[in-house]
Structures are given as C-alpha cells and as structure tokens.
C-alpha cells in the first residue's frame, strides 16, 4: 500500500490543480528542512553550507527513495536508518 501511496503523492501524472498541490507540499517540506539546516549550521552541528540549496536536495533525495529503493523492496528499520544517516551525512552532521 505505501509504495502506491508514495507514487500517487509524488509522481503519478495528475491534473494541474493536484500538481500545484504537490509543488506546495514540497515547498513546505523544503522550508522546514531549510530551518533545520540553518539551525544546525548556527549551532555547529552541521558544516557551513547554503541551507536554501541543501534543503530542496534533501527533499528530492527523500522523494526518490520513496519511489525507488524503499518502494521496490520490503521496508525495514535498517533501510530507514540508512536513509536518515545519509541525510545527516549530507549536511555534515558530526557523529
């Protein structure tokens, strides 16, 4: 069920009104990620980086994971943990 939901939410061809809602959905998530990255940089937990560039990249990586590896196989907590670790590494989080 979840792979079909992810496909419908992210990539299924839809009419323009639904596509606009998707854009707004991604924009909202990007804004949240941007705040988190900025706070992480300010606190020294993340390396110096342009949050406005990194945030949409993280949203895109998560979306692609939902449509790709996570959708194609049985989800496991290990896969979710690895995706979280990837995102933390991407922003230069300290161990």
PDB file of N, CA and C in Angstrom:
ATOM      1  N   UNK A   1       0.811  -1.193   0.000  1.00  0.00           N
ATOM      2  CA  UNK A   1       0.000   0.000   0.000  1.00  0.00           C
ATOM      3  C   UNK A   1       0.854   1.258   0.000  1.00  0.00           C
ATOM      4  N   UNK A   2       1.902   1.322   0.813  1.00  0.00           N
ATOM      5  CA  UNK A   2       2.729   2.524   0.913  1.00  0.00           C
ATOM      6  C   UNK A   2       3.418   2.882  -0.406  1.00  0.00           C
ATOM      7  N   UNK A   3       3.959   1.916  -1.182  1.00  0.00           N
ATOM      8  CA  UNK A   3       4.557   2.305  -2.456  1.00  0.00           C
ATOM      9  C   UNK A   3       3.566   2.968  -3.406  1.00  0.00           C
ATOM     10  N   UNK A   4       2.331   2.473  -3.437  1.00  0.00           N
ATOM     11  CA  UNK A   4       1.327   3.092  -4.293  1.00  0.00           C
ATOM     12  C   UNK A   4       0.974   4.489  -3.804  1.00  0.00           C
ATOM     13  N   UNK A   5       0.935   4.666  -2.506  1.00  0.00           N
ATOM     14  CA  UNK A   5       0.651   5.971  -1.932  1.00  0.00           C
ATOM     15  C   UNK A   5       1.769   6.957  -2.277  1.00  0.00           C
ATOM     16  N   UNK A   6       3.015   6.505  -2.139  1.00  0.00           N
ATOM     17  CA  UNK A   6       4.148   7.367  -2.473  1.00  0.00           C
ATOM     18  C   UNK A   6       4.106   7.763  -3.942  1.00  0.00           C
ATOM     19  N   UNK A   7       3.831   6.807  -4.818  1.00  0.00           N
ATOM     20  CA  UNK A   7       3.731   7.096  -6.250  1.00  0.00           C
ATOM     21  C   UNK A   7       2.624   8.119  -6.500  1.00  0.00           C
ATOM     22  N   UNK A   8       1.474   7.912  -5.906  1.00  0.00           N
ATOM     23  CA  UNK A   8       0.352   8.827  -6.109  1.00  0.00           C
ATOM     24  C   UNK A   8       0.665  10.217  -5.559  1.00  0.00           C
ATOM     25  N   UNK A   9       1.321  10.280  -4.441  1.00  0.00           N
ATOM     26  CA  UNK A   9       1.635  11.553  -3.806  1.00  0.00           C
ATOM     27  C   UNK A   9       2.715  12.326  -4.546  1.00  0.00           C
ATOM     28  N   UNK A  10       3.678  11.618  -5.117  1.00  0.00           N
ATOM     29  CA  UNK A  10       4.864  12.271  -5.647  1.00  0.00           C
ATOM     30  C   UNK A  10       4.926  12.325  -7.168  1.00  0.00           C
ATOM     31  N   UNK A  11       4.548  11.263  -7.859  1.00  0.00           N
ATOM     32  CA  UNK A  11       4.913  11.180  -9.270  1.00  0.00           C
ATOM     33  C   UNK A  11       3.809  10.836 -10.261  1.00  0.00           C
ATOM     34  N   UNK A  12       2.711  10.320  -9.830  1.00  0.00           N
ATOM     35  CA  UNK A  12       1.671   9.906 -10.768  1.00  0.00           C
ATOM     36  C   UNK A  12       1.192  11.100 -11.585  1.00  0.00           C
ATOM     37  N   UNK A  13       1.033  10.929 -12.904  1.00  0.00           N
ATOM     38  CA  UNK A  13       0.505  12.032 -13.714  1.00  0.00           C
ATOM     39  C   UNK A  13      -0.886  12.447 -13.214  1.00  0.00           C
ATOM     40  N   UNK A  14      -1.050  13.755 -13.032  1.00  0.00           N
ATOM     41  CA  UNK A  14      -2.294  14.279 -12.466  1.00  0.00           C
ATOM     42  C   UNK A  14      -2.680  15.573 -13.164  1.00  0.00           C
ATOM     43  N   UNK A  15      -3.867  16.065 -12.824  1.00  0.00           N
ATOM     44  CA  UNK A  15      -4.289  17.332 -13.414  1.00  0.00           C
ATOM     45  C   UNK A  15      -3.519  18.486 -12.764  1.00  0.00           C
ATOM     46  N   UNK A  16      -3.520  19.642 -13.378  1.00  0.00           N
ATOM     47  CA  UNK A  16      -2.712  20.773 -12.905  1.00  0.00           C
ATOM     48  C   UNK A  16      -2.980  21.196 -11.455  1.00  0.00           C
ATOM     49  N   UNK A  17      -4.201  21.096 -10.992  1.00  0.00           N
ATOM     50  CA  UNK A  17      -4.504  21.510  -9.614  1.00  0.00           C
ATOM     51  C   UNK A  17      -3.801  20.612  -8.600  1.00  0.00           C
ATOM     52  N   UNK A  18      -3.781  19.323  -8.874  1.00  0.00           N
ATOM     53  CA  UNK A  18      -3.103  18.391  -7.971  1.00  0.00           C
ATOM     54  C   UNK A  18      -1.590  18.593  -8.071  1.00  0.00           C
ATOM     55  N   UNK A  19      -1.106  18.842  -9.265  1.00  0.00           N
ATOM     56  CA  UNK A  19       0.320  19.090  -9.431  1.00  0.00           C
ATOM     57  C   UNK A  19       0.742  20.343  -8.659  1.00  0.00           C
ATOM     58  N   UNK A  20      -0.087  21.352  -8.655  1.00  0.00           N
ATOM     59  CA  UNK A  20       0.197  22.558  -7.880  1.00  0.00           C
ATOM     60  C   UNK A  20       0.236  22.248  -6.384  1.00  0.00           C
ATOM     61  N   UNK A  21      -0.662  21.400  -5.922  1.00  0.00           N
ATOM     62  CA  UNK A  21      -0.662  20.999  -4.517  1.00  0.00           C
ATOM     63  C   UNK A  21       0.630  20.256  -4.174  1.00  0.00           C
ATOM     64  N   UNK A  22       1.111  19.429  -5.094  1.00  0.00           N
ATOM     65  CA  UNK A  22       2.384  18.733  -4.878  1.00  0.00           C
ATOM     66  C   UNK A  22       3.528  19.722  -4.740  1.00  0.00           C
ATOM     67  N   UNK A  23       3.545  20.722  -5.595  1.00  0.00           N
ATOM     68  CA  UNK A  23       4.600  21.736  -5.533  1.00  0.00           C
ATOM     69  C   UNK A  23       4.556  22.444  -4.184  1.00  0.00           C
ATOM     70  N   UNK A  24       3.367  22.788  -3.725  1.00  0.00           N
ATOM     71  CA  UNK A  24       3.232  23.438  -2.421  1.00  0.00           C
ATOM     72  C   UNK A  24       3.680  22.516  -1.289  1.00  0.00           C
ATOM     73  N   UNK A  25       3.339  21.252  -1.393  1.00  0.00           N
ATOM     74  CA  UNK A  25       3.742  20.242  -0.417  1.00  0.00           C
ATOM     75  C   UNK A  25       5.267  20.186  -0.317  1.00  0.00           C
ATOM     76  N   UNK A  26       5.941  20.113  -1.462  1.00  0.00           N
ATOM     77  CA  UNK A  26       7.403  20.067  -1.471  1.00  0.00           C
ATOM     78  C   UNK A  26       7.996  21.375  -0.969  1.00  0.00           C
ATOM     79  N   UNK A  27       7.381  22.479  -1.323  1.00  0.00           N
ATOM     80  CA  UNK A  27       7.864  23.784  -0.870  1.00  0.00           C
ATOM     81  C   UNK A  27       7.789  23.881   0.654  1.00  0.00           C
ATOM     82  N   UNK A  28       6.696  23.387   1.228  1.00  0.00           N
ATOM     83  CA  UNK A  28       6.547  23.414   2.690  1.00  0.00           C
ATOM     84  C   UNK A  28       7.620  22.558   3.369  1.00  0.00           C
ATOM     85  N   UNK A  29       7.851  21.349   2.842  1.00  0.00           N
ATOM     86  CA  UNK A  29       8.889  20.491   3.409  1.00  0.00           C
ATOM     87  C   UNK A  29      10.273  21.115   3.237  1.00  0.00           C
ATOM     88  N   UNK A  30      10.492  21.728   2.087  1.00  0.00           N
ATOM     89  CA  UNK A  30      11.780  22.380   1.857  1.00  0.00           C
ATOM     90  C   UNK A  30      12.001  23.495   2.867  1.00  0.00           C
ATOM     91  N   UNK A  31      10.969  24.277   3.156  1.00  0.00           N
ATOM     92  CA  UNK A  31      11.090  25.364   4.140  1.00  0.00           C
ATOM     93  C   UNK A  31      11.434  24.809   5.521  1.00  0.00           C
ATOM     94  N   UNK A  32      10.808  23.701   5.897  1.00  0.00           N
ATOM     95  CA  UNK A  32      11.126  23.074   7.193  1.00  0.00           C
ATOM     96  C   UNK A  32      12.573  22.583   7.234  1.00  0.00           C
ATOM     97  N   UNK A  33      12.999  21.919   6.172  1.00  0.00           N
ATOM     98  CA  UNK A  33      14.372  21.430   6.113  1.00  0.00           C
ATOM     99  C   UNK A  33      15.359  22.591   6.130  1.00  0.00           C
ATOM    100  N   UNK A  34      15.026  23.675   5.462  1.00  0.00           N
ATOM    101  CA  UNK A  34      15.918  24.834   5.442  1.00  0.00           C
ATOM    102  C   UNK A  34      16.120  25.379   6.857  1.00  0.00           C
ATOM    103  N   UNK A  35      15.043  25.455   7.626  1.00  0.00           N
ATOM    104  CA  UNK A  35      15.155  25.908   9.019  1.00  0.00           C
ATOM    105  C   UNK A  35      16.053  24.979   9.829  1.00  0.00           C
ATOM    106  N   UNK A  36      15.867  23.681   9.654  1.00  0.00           N
ATOM    107  CA  UNK A  36      16.670  22.712  10.402  1.00  0.00           C
ATOM    108  C   UNK A  36      18.148  22.841  10.017  1.00  0.00           C
ATOM    109  N   UNK A  37      18.423  22.965   8.730  1.00  0.00           N
ATOM    110  CA  UNK A  37      19.814  23.088   8.289  1.00  0.00           C
ATOM    111  C   UNK A  37      20.426  24.379   8.827  1.00  0.00           C
ATOM    112  N   UNK A  38      19.703  25.486   8.746  1.00  0.00           N
ATOM    113  CA  UNK A  38      20.219  26.755   9.278  1.00  0.00           C
ATOM    114  C   UNK A  38      20.535  26.638  10.764  1.00  0.00           C
ATOM    115  N   UNK A  39      19.626  26.051  11.508  1.00  0.00           N
ATOM    116  CA  UNK A  39      19.856  25.886  12.955  1.00  0.00           C
ATOM    117  C   UNK A  39      21.057  24.982  13.218  1.00  0.00           C
ATOM    118  N   UNK A  40      21.186  23.928  12.441  1.00  0.00           N
ATOM    119  CA  UNK A  40      22.323  23.030  12.602  1.00  0.00           C
ATOM    120  C   UNK A  40      23.646  23.711  12.293  1.00  0.00           C
ATOM    121  N   UNK A  41      23.659  24.564  11.270  1.00  0.00           N
ATOM    122  CA  UNK A  41      24.871  25.310  10.930  1.00  0.00           C
ATOM    123  C   UNK A  41      25.185  26.303  12.050  1.00  0.00           C
ATOM    124  N   UNK A  42      24.159  27.031  12.500  1.00  0.00           N
ATOM    125  CA  UNK A  42      24.358  28.027  13.563  1.00  0.00           C
ATOM    126  C   UNK A  42      24.864  27.395  14.855  1.00  0.00           C
ATOM    127  N   UNK A  43      24.387  26.208  15.167  1.00  0.00           N
ATOM    128  CA  UNK A  43      24.801  25.544  16.405  1.00  0.00           C
ATOM    129  C   UNK A  43      26.132  24.813  16.267  1.00  0.00           C
ATOM    130  N   UNK A  44      26.613  24.690  15.036  1.00  0.00           N
ATOM    131  CA  UNK A  44      27.864  23.974  14.813  1.00  0.00           C
ATOM    132  C   UNK A  44      27.697  22.476  14.640  1.00  0.00           C
ATOM    133  N   UNK A  45      26.466  22.005  14.658  1.00  0.00           N
ATOM    134  CA  UNK A  45      26.228  20.568  14.472  1.00  0.00           C
ATOM    135  C   UNK A  45      26.404  20.145  13.014  1.00  0.00           C
ATOM    136  N   UNK A  46      26.155  21.069  12.073  1.00  0.00           N
ATOM    137  CA  UNK A  46      26.319  20.812  10.646  1.00  0.00           C
ATOM    138  C   UNK A  46      27.425  21.708  10.118  1.00  0.00           C
ATOM    139  N   UNK A  47      28.076  21.267   9.054  1.00  0.00           N
ATOM    140  CA  UNK A  47      29.107  22.095   8.450  1.00  0.00           C
ATOM    141  C   UNK A  47      28.460  23.301   7.758  1.00  0.00           C
ATOM    142  N   UNK A  48      29.276  24.318   7.517  1.00  0.00           N
ATOM    143  CA  UNK A  48      28.787  25.532   6.850  1.00  0.00           C
ATOM    144  C   UNK A  48      28.300  25.160   5.453  1.00  0.00           C
ATOM    145  N   UNK A  49      27.105  25.622   5.079  1.00  0.00           N
ATOM    146  CA  UNK A  49      26.525  25.301   3.780  1.00  0.00           C
ATOM    147  C   UNK A  49      25.336  26.207   3.498  1.00  0.00           C
ATOM    148  N   UNK A  50      24.975  26.358   2.242  1.00  0.00           N
ATOM    149  CA  UNK A  50      23.811  27.179   1.898  1.00  0.00           C
ATOM    150  C   UNK A  50      22.512  26.387   2.109  1.00  0.00           C
ATOM    151  N   UNK A  51      21.817  26.683   3.166  1.00  0.00           N
ATOM    152  CA  UNK A  51      20.600  25.944   3.521  1.00  0.00           C
ATOM    153  C   UNK A  51      19.559  25.987   2.412  1.00  0.00           C
ATOM    154  N   UNK A  52      19.473  27.105   1.697  1.00  0.00           N
ATOM    155  CA  UNK A  52      18.481  27.227   0.621  1.00  0.00           C
ATOM    156  C   UNK A  52      18.775  26.277  -0.536  1.00  0.00           C
ATOM    157  N   UNK A  53      20.009  25.856  -0.687  1.00  0.00           N
ATOM    158  CA  UNK A  53      20.373  24.895  -1.724  1.00  0.00           C
ATOM    159  C   UNK A  53      20.257  23.459  -1.227  1.00  0.00           C
ATOM    160  N   UNK A  54      20.664  23.241   0.008  1.00  0.00           N
ATOM    161  CA  UNK A  54      20.696  21.895   0.581  1.00  0.00           C
ATOM    162  C   UNK A  54      19.288  21.366   0.868  1.00  0.00           C
ATOM    163  N   UNK A  55      18.406  22.215   1.359  1.00  0.00           N
ATOM    164  CA  UNK A  55      17.060  21.770   1.746  1.00  0.00           C
ATOM    165  C   UNK A  55      16.293  21.109   0.602  1.00  0.00           C
ATOM    166  N   UNK A  56      16.192  21.724  -0.578  1.00  0.00           N
ATOM    167  CA  UNK A  56      15.467  21.034  -1.646  1.00  0.00           C
ATOM    168  C   UNK A  56      16.162  19.762  -2.121  1.00  0.00           C
ATOM    169  N   UNK A  57      17.484  19.723  -1.994  1.00  0.00           N
ATOM    170  CA  UNK A  57      18.209  18.500  -2.363  1.00  0.00           C
ATOM    171  C   UNK A  57      17.820  17.351  -1.433  1.00  0.00           C
ATOM    172  N   UNK A  58      17.676  17.646  -0.144  1.00  0.00           N
ATOM    173  CA  UNK A  58      17.259  16.610   0.806  1.00  0.00           C
ATOM    174  C   UNK A  58      15.834  16.147   0.518  1.00  0.00           C
ATOM    175  N   UNK A  59      14.947  17.086   0.232  1.00  0.00           N
ATOM    176  CA  UNK A  59      13.559  16.717  -0.080  1.00  0.00           C
ATOM    177  C   UNK A  59      13.530  15.828  -1.319  1.00  0.00           C
ATOM    178  N   UNK A  60      14.321  16.185  -2.323  1.00  0.00           N
ATOM    179  CA  UNK A  60      14.386  15.373  -3.539  1.00  0.00           C
ATOM    180  C   UNK A  60      14.935  13.985  -3.277  1.00  0.00           C
ATOM    181  N   UNK A  61      15.973  13.898  -2.454  1.00  0.00           N
ATOM    182  CA  UNK A  61      16.557  12.596  -2.131  1.00  0.00           C
ATOM    183  C   UNK A  61      15.546  11.707  -1.415  1.00  0.00           C
ATOM    184  N   UNK A  62      14.814  12.288  -0.499  1.00  0.00           N
ATOM    185  CA  UNK A  62      13.798  11.504   0.222  1.00  0.00           C
ATOM    186  C   UNK A  62      12.691  11.045  -0.720  1.00  0.00           C
ATOM    187  N   UNK A  63      12.243  11.934  -1.595  1.00  0.00           N
ATOM    188  CA  UNK A  63      11.185  11.570  -2.542  1.00  0.00           C
ATOM    189  C   UNK A  63      11.643  10.437  -3.456  1.00  0.00           C
ATOM    190  N   UNK A  64      12.855  10.546  -3.982  1.00  0.00           N
ATOM    191  CA  UNK A  64      13.372   9.499  -4.860  1.00  0.00           C
ATOM    192  C   UNK A  64      13.512   8.173  -4.125  1.00  0.00           C
ATOM    193  N   UNK A  65      13.872   8.231  -2.863  1.00  0.00           N
ATOM    194  CA  UNK A  65      13.976   6.993  -2.079  1.00  0.00           C
ATOM    195  C   UNK A  65      12.620   6.339  -1.903  1.00  0.00           C
ATOM    196  N   UNK A  66      11.585   7.151  -1.731  1.00  0.00           N
ATOM    197  CA  UNK A  66      10.239   6.600  -1.594  1.00  0.00           C
ATOM    198  C   UNK A  66       9.777   5.940  -2.892  1.00  0.00           C
ATOM    199  N   UNK A  67      10.220   6.496  -4.017  1.00  0.00           N
ATOM    200  CA  UNK A  67       9.813   5.943  -5.305  1.00  0.00           C
ATOM    201  C   UNK A  67      10.734   4.827  -5.774  1.00  0.00           C
ATOM    202  N   UNK A  68      11.953   4.800  -5.265  1.00  0.00           N
ATOM    203  CA  UNK A  68      12.936   3.821  -5.710  1.00  0.00           C
ATOM    204  C   UNK A  68      13.140   2.707  -4.715  1.00  0.00           C
ATOM    205  N   UNK A  69      14.289   2.710  -4.042  1.00  0.00           N
ATOM    206  CA  UNK A  69      14.662   1.569  -3.180  1.00  0.00           C
ATOM    207  C   UNK A  69      13.628   1.203  -2.120  1.00  0.00           C
ATOM    208  N   UNK A  70      13.039   2.189  -1.473  1.00  0.00           N
ATOM    209  CA  UNK A  70      12.065   1.854  -0.436  1.00  0.00           C
ATOM    210  C   UNK A  70      10.784   1.294  -1.029  1.00  0.00           C
ATOM    211  N   UNK A  71      10.445   1.712  -2.228  1.00  0.00           N
ATOM    212  CA  UNK A  71       9.220   1.222  -2.862  1.00  0.00           C
ATOM    213  C   UNK A  71       9.408  -0.170  -3.458  1.00  0.00           C
ATOM    214  N   UNK A  72      10.631  -0.480  -3.856  1.00  0.00           N
ATOM    215  CA  UNK A  72      10.898  -1.732  -4.573  1.00  0.00           C
ATOM    216  C   UNK A  72      11.196  -2.918  -3.672  1.00  0.00           C
ATOM    217  N   UNK A  73      11.369  -2.674  -2.418  1.00  0.00           N
ATOM    218  CA  UNK A  73      11.708  -3.777  -1.537  1.00  0.00           C
ATOM    219  C   UNK A  73      10.902  -3.676  -0.252  1.00  0.00           C
ATOM    220  N   UNK A  74      11.038  -4.700   0.509  1.00  0.00           N
ATOM    221  CA  UNK A  74      10.384  -4.711   1.806  1.00  0.00           C
ATOM    222  C   UNK A  74      11.087  -3.691   2.699  1.00  0.00           C
ATOM    223  N   UNK A  75      10.333  -2.755   3.226  1.00  0.00           N
ATOM    224  CA  UNK A  75      10.934  -1.740   4.091  1.00  0.00           C
ATOM    225  C   UNK A  75      11.393  -2.369   5.387  1.00  0.00           C
ATOM    226  N   UNK A  76      12.508  -1.889   5.828  1.00  0.00           N
ATOM    227  CA  UNK A  76      12.993  -2.346   7.116  1.00  0.00           C
ATOM    228  C   UNK A  76      13.465  -1.134   7.888  1.00  0.00           C
ATOM    229  N   UNK A  77      13.551  -1.291   9.185  1.00  0.00           N
ATOM    230  CA  UNK A  77      14.038  -0.180  10.003  1.00  0.00           C
ATOM    231  C   UNK A  77      15.487   0.128   9.637  1.00  0.00           C
ATOM    232  N   UNK A  78      16.228  -0.877   9.170  1.00  0.00           N
ATOM    233  CA  UNK A  78      17.606  -0.631   8.751  1.00  0.00           C
ATOM    234  C   UNK A  78      17.655   0.315   7.550  1.00  0.00           C
ATOM    235  N   UNK A  79      16.763   0.123   6.591  1.00  0.00           N
ATOM    236  CA  UNK A  79      16.730   0.997   5.414  1.00  0.00           C
ATOM    237  C   UNK A  79      16.373   2.424   5.815  1.00  0.00           C
ATOM    238  N   UNK A  80      15.411   2.569   6.695  1.00  0.00           N
ATOM    239  CA  UNK A  80      15.020   3.899   7.162  1.00  0.00           C
ATOM    240  C   UNK A  80      16.186   4.544   7.902  1.00  0.00           C
ATOM    241  N   UNK A  81      16.852   3.767   8.756  1.00  0.00           N
ATOM    242  CA  UNK A  81      18.017   4.281   9.484  1.00  0.00           C
ATOM    243  C   UNK A  81      19.109   4.724   8.518  1.00  0.00           C
ATOM    244  N   UNK A  82      19.344   3.942   7.469  1.00  0.00           N
ATOM    245  CA  UNK A  82      20.366   4.295   6.483  1.00  0.00           C
ATOM    246  C   UNK A  82      20.003   5.578   5.744  1.00  0.00           C
ATOM    247  N   UNK A  83      18.740   5.763   5.434  1.00  0.00           N
ATOM    248  CA  UNK A  83      18.304   6.993   4.766  1.00  0.00           C
ATOM    249  C   UNK A  83      18.491   8.200   5.684  1.00  0.00           C
ATOM    250  N   UNK A  84      18.162   8.043   6.943  1.00  0.00           N
ATOM    251  CA  UNK A  84      18.390   9.126   7.914  1.00  0.00           C
ATOM    252  C   UNK A  84      19.872   9.437   8.026  1.00  0.00           C
ATOM    253  N   UNK A  85      20.698   8.399   8.078  1.00  0.00           N
ATOM    254  CA  UNK A  85      22.138   8.587   8.163  1.00  0.00           C
ATOM    255  C   UNK A  85      22.666   9.303   6.919  1.00  0.00           C
ATOM    256  N   UNK A  86      22.152   8.941   5.760  1.00  0.00           N
ATOM    257  CA  UNK A  86      22.539   9.610   4.521  1.00  0.00           C
ATOM    258  C   UNK A  86      22.259  11.107   4.619  1.00  0.00           C
ATOM    259  N   UNK A  87      21.068  11.461   5.064  1.00  0.00           N
ATOM    260  CA  UNK A  87      20.691  12.875   5.163  1.00  0.00           C
ATOM    261  C   UNK A  87      21.584  13.611   6.157  1.00  0.00           C
ATOM    262  N   UNK A  88      21.885  12.975   7.274  1.00  0.00           N
ATOM    263  CA  UNK A  88      22.767  13.602   8.259  1.00  0.00           C
ATOM    264  C   UNK A  88      24.177  13.778   7.704  1.00  0.00           C
ATOM    265  N   UNK A  89      24.658  12.799   6.977  1.00  0.00           N
ATOM    266  CA  UNK A  89      25.983  12.919   6.354  1.00  0.00           C
ATOM    267  C   UNK A  89      25.973  14.018   5.307  1.00  0.00           C
ATOM    268  N   UNK A  90      24.878  14.131   4.569  1.00  0.00           N
ATOM    269  CA  UNK A  90      24.779  15.136   3.512  1.00  0.00           C
ATOM    270  C   UNK A  90      24.921  16.557   4.061  1.00  0.00           C
ATOM    271  N   UNK A  91      24.478  16.778   5.265  1.00  0.00           N
ATOM    272  CA  UNK A  91      24.586  18.110   5.861  1.00  0.00           C
ATOM    273  C   UNK A  91      25.817  18.256   6.739  1.00  0.00           C
ATOM    274  N   UNK A  92      26.654  17.224   6.759  1.00  0.00           N
ATOM    275  CA  UNK A  92      27.886  17.293   7.522  1.00  0.00           C
ATOM    276  C   UNK A  92      27.705  17.195   9.015  1.00  0.00           C
ATOM    277  N   UNK A  93      26.692  16.442   9.426  1.00  0.00           N
ATOM    278  CA  UNK A  93      26.460  16.260  10.862  1.00  0.00           C
ATOM    279  C   UNK A  93      27.644  15.544  11.485  1.00  0.00           C
ATOM    280  N   UNK A  94      27.949  15.944  12.683  1.00  0.00           N
ATOM    281  CA  UNK A  94      29.047  15.314  13.405  1.00  0.00           C
ATOM    282  C   UNK A  94      28.537  14.026  14.051  1.00  0.00           C
ATOM    283  N   UNK A  95      29.391  13.027  14.100  1.00  0.00           N
ATOM    284  CA  UNK A  95      28.995  11.752  14.717  1.00  0.00           C
ATOM    285  C   UNK A  95      28.693  11.902  16.182  1.00  0.00           C
TER     286      UNK A  95
END
